[in-house]
């Protein structure tokens, strides 16, 4: 399951895949890019999974198209020990509770159908995320000094 959210707009993207390999990630990123055709840059906050990179797009779409799609994004990777900062991870938890509950879904087409219905419902409701965790909060929680935080991210 890939999940993306535009928290201040209450816009949700979900994609059920057989795995989390590069081609599945590339398709998800292209879908997000298509949703914002006029935007020069899309800020993408995500974890450090090895497939979450430009290489997944260029391997799947080719150097030219894959690079063009990736260039629309400004990636921000959450620290490995702080994936809970990633709002999409929070949304995956909400999806799991609201869409799946305690049910076991036996096949991918059934899961896709339920996920699509959940995604449509969430987008109709435009449930926004009021994220109140600030950079100073993160630095304190993660025990970063200002210079350490900058060095560890770039």
Protein backbone atom coordinates (compact mmCIF):
# COMPACT_ATOMS: atom_id res chain seq x y z
CA UNK A 1 0.00 0.00 0.00
CA UNK A 2 1.33 3.40 -0.95
CA UNK A 3 -0.31 6.37 0.70
CA UNK A 4 0.23 10.07 0.13
CA UNK A 5 -1.59 12.99 1.65
CA UNK A 6 -1.75 16.73 1.11
CA UNK A 7 -2.47 17.51 4.77
CA UNK A 8 -3.63 21.11 4.52
CA UNK A 9 -6.01 20.38 1.65
CA UNK A 10 -7.35 17.06 2.88
CA UNK A 11 -6.37 15.34 -0.35
CA UNK A 12 -5.50 11.62 -0.21
CA UNK A 13 -3.85 9.21 -2.62
CA UNK A 14 -3.76 5.46 -2.04
CA UNK A 15 -2.42 2.74 -4.27
CA UNK A 16 -2.56 -0.97 -3.53
CA UNK A 17 0.34 -2.86 -5.07
CA UNK A 18 1.66 -6.41 -4.93
CA UNK A 19 4.93 -5.14 -3.49
CA UNK A 20 6.91 -1.98 -2.66
CA UNK A 21 9.41 -2.30 -5.48
CA UNK A 22 10.60 0.51 -7.73
CA UNK A 23 7.99 0.18 -10.51
CA UNK A 24 5.12 0.43 -7.99
CA UNK A 25 6.73 3.52 -6.43
CA UNK A 26 7.30 5.05 -9.87
CA UNK A 27 3.62 4.64 -10.77
CA UNK A 28 2.55 6.25 -7.49
CA UNK A 29 4.86 9.23 -7.99
CA UNK A 30 3.64 9.71 -11.57
CA UNK A 31 0.05 9.65 -10.29
CA UNK A 32 0.81 12.37 -7.77
CA UNK A 33 2.59 14.45 -10.42
CA UNK A 34 -0.45 14.19 -12.74
CA UNK A 35 -2.68 15.47 -9.94
CA UNK A 36 -0.71 18.75 -9.85
CA UNK A 37 -0.01 19.59 -13.52
CA UNK A 38 0.67 23.30 -13.05
CA UNK A 39 2.95 23.05 -10.02
CA UNK A 40 6.65 23.69 -10.38
CA UNK A 41 7.59 21.69 -7.30
CA UNK A 42 5.84 19.22 -5.04
CA UNK A 43 7.34 18.67 -1.61
CA UNK A 44 7.46 14.97 -0.89
CA UNK A 45 8.12 13.79 2.67
CA UNK A 46 8.85 10.08 2.84
CA UNK A 47 10.83 7.40 4.59
CA UNK A 48 14.19 6.09 3.45
CA UNK A 49 13.05 2.95 1.63
CA UNK A 50 15.65 2.21 -1.05
CA UNK A 51 13.07 2.42 -3.85
CA UNK A 52 12.06 5.97 -2.86
CA UNK A 53 14.43 7.57 -5.34
CA UNK A 54 14.82 8.96 -8.82
CA UNK A 55 16.36 5.66 -9.92
CA UNK A 56 13.00 3.90 -9.55
CA UNK A 57 11.45 6.38 -11.97
CA UNK A 58 14.28 6.36 -14.50
CA UNK A 59 14.44 2.54 -14.44
CA UNK A 60 10.69 2.31 -15.07
CA UNK A 61 9.99 5.29 -17.37
CA UNK A 62 13.44 5.80 -18.87
CA UNK A 63 16.00 8.52 -18.20
CA UNK A 64 14.16 11.36 -19.92
CA UNK A 65 10.57 10.86 -18.71
CA UNK A 66 11.57 9.45 -15.31
CA UNK A 67 13.90 12.40 -14.72
CA UNK A 68 11.23 14.87 -15.83
CA UNK A 69 8.70 13.41 -13.39
CA UNK A 70 11.21 13.31 -10.52
CA UNK A 71 12.26 16.91 -11.17
CA UNK A 72 8.75 18.04 -10.19
CA UNK A 73 9.48 16.86 -6.63
CA UNK A 74 11.56 18.16 -3.78
CA UNK A 75 12.11 15.07 -1.63
CA UNK A 76 12.49 15.29 2.14
CA UNK A 77 13.44 12.08 3.90
CA UNK A 78 12.40 11.50 7.50
CA UNK A 79 15.16 10.35 9.86
CA UNK A 80 15.22 6.55 10.13
CA UNK A 81 14.39 6.70 13.83
CA UNK A 82 11.50 9.13 13.33
CA UNK A 83 9.22 7.71 10.63
CA UNK A 84 6.31 8.72 12.89
CA UNK A 85 6.94 12.26 11.62
CA UNK A 86 5.75 11.17 8.18
CA UNK A 87 2.08 12.11 7.89
CA UNK A 88 1.52 9.47 5.23
CA UNK A 89 2.57 6.84 7.78
CA UNK A 90 -0.08 8.24 10.10
CA UNK A 91 -2.62 8.03 7.28
CA UNK A 92 -1.70 4.40 6.63
CA UNK A 93 -2.62 3.72 10.26
CA UNK A 94 -5.92 5.56 9.83
CA UNK A 95 -6.56 3.69 6.57
CA UNK A 96 -5.88 0.41 8.32
CA UNK A 97 -8.34 1.17 11.11
CA UNK A 98 -11.08 2.81 8.99
CA UNK A 99 -10.90 0.75 5.82
CA UNK A 100 -9.73 -2.64 6.98
CA UNK A 101 -10.60 -2.83 10.65
CA UNK A 102 -10.04 -6.41 11.75
CA UNK A 103 -10.99 -7.87 8.36
CA UNK A 104 -8.61 -9.98 6.36
CA UNK A 105 -8.80 -9.23 2.65
CA UNK A 106 -8.04 -12.34 0.62
CA UNK A 107 -7.00 -10.84 -2.71
CA UNK A 108 -5.59 -7.66 -4.21
CA UNK A 109 -8.64 -6.75 -6.37
CA UNK A 110 -10.87 -6.78 -3.27
CA UNK A 111 -8.37 -4.67 -1.35
CA UNK A 112 -8.11 -2.22 -4.25
CA UNK A 113 -11.90 -1.85 -4.33
CA UNK A 114 -12.09 -1.12 -0.60
CA UNK A 115 -9.10 1.21 -0.74
CA UNK A 116 -10.60 3.12 -3.66
CA UNK A 117 -13.89 3.57 -1.80
CA UNK A 118 -12.05 4.77 1.32
CA UNK A 119 -9.92 7.16 -0.74
CA UNK A 120 -12.99 8.65 -2.45
CA UNK A 121 -14.75 9.08 0.89
CA UNK A 122 -11.73 10.81 2.46
CA UNK A 123 -11.36 13.15 -0.53
CA UNK A 124 -15.06 14.07 -0.44
CA UNK A 125 -14.79 14.86 3.27
CA UNK A 126 -11.53 16.82 2.78
CA UNK A 127 -10.32 15.90 6.24
CA UNK A 128 -7.35 18.13 6.89
CA UNK A 129 -4.46 17.38 9.18
CA UNK A 130 -3.69 20.13 11.64
CA UNK A 131 -0.02 19.31 12.13
CA UNK A 132 1.23 21.25 15.11
CA UNK A 133 4.63 19.60 15.52
CA UNK A 134 7.24 22.26 14.69
CA UNK A 135 10.92 22.13 13.73
CA UNK A 136 11.93 23.25 17.25
CA UNK A 137 9.70 20.49 18.66
CA UNK A 138 11.41 17.95 16.41
CA UNK A 139 14.88 19.15 17.36
CA UNK A 140 14.01 18.88 21.03
CA UNK A 141 12.32 15.48 20.69
CA UNK A 142 15.13 14.07 18.55
CA UNK A 143 17.81 15.81 20.64
CA UNK A 144 19.32 17.59 17.65
CA UNK A 145 21.38 20.69 17.96
CA UNK A 146 20.74 23.06 15.07
CA UNK A 147 24.02 22.28 13.24
CA UNK A 148 23.65 18.51 13.86
CA UNK A 149 20.18 18.58 12.32
CA UNK A 150 21.42 20.28 9.17
CA UNK A 151 24.43 17.95 8.80
CA UNK A 152 22.40 14.80 9.34
CA UNK A 153 19.89 15.67 6.61
CA UNK A 154 22.17 16.73 3.76
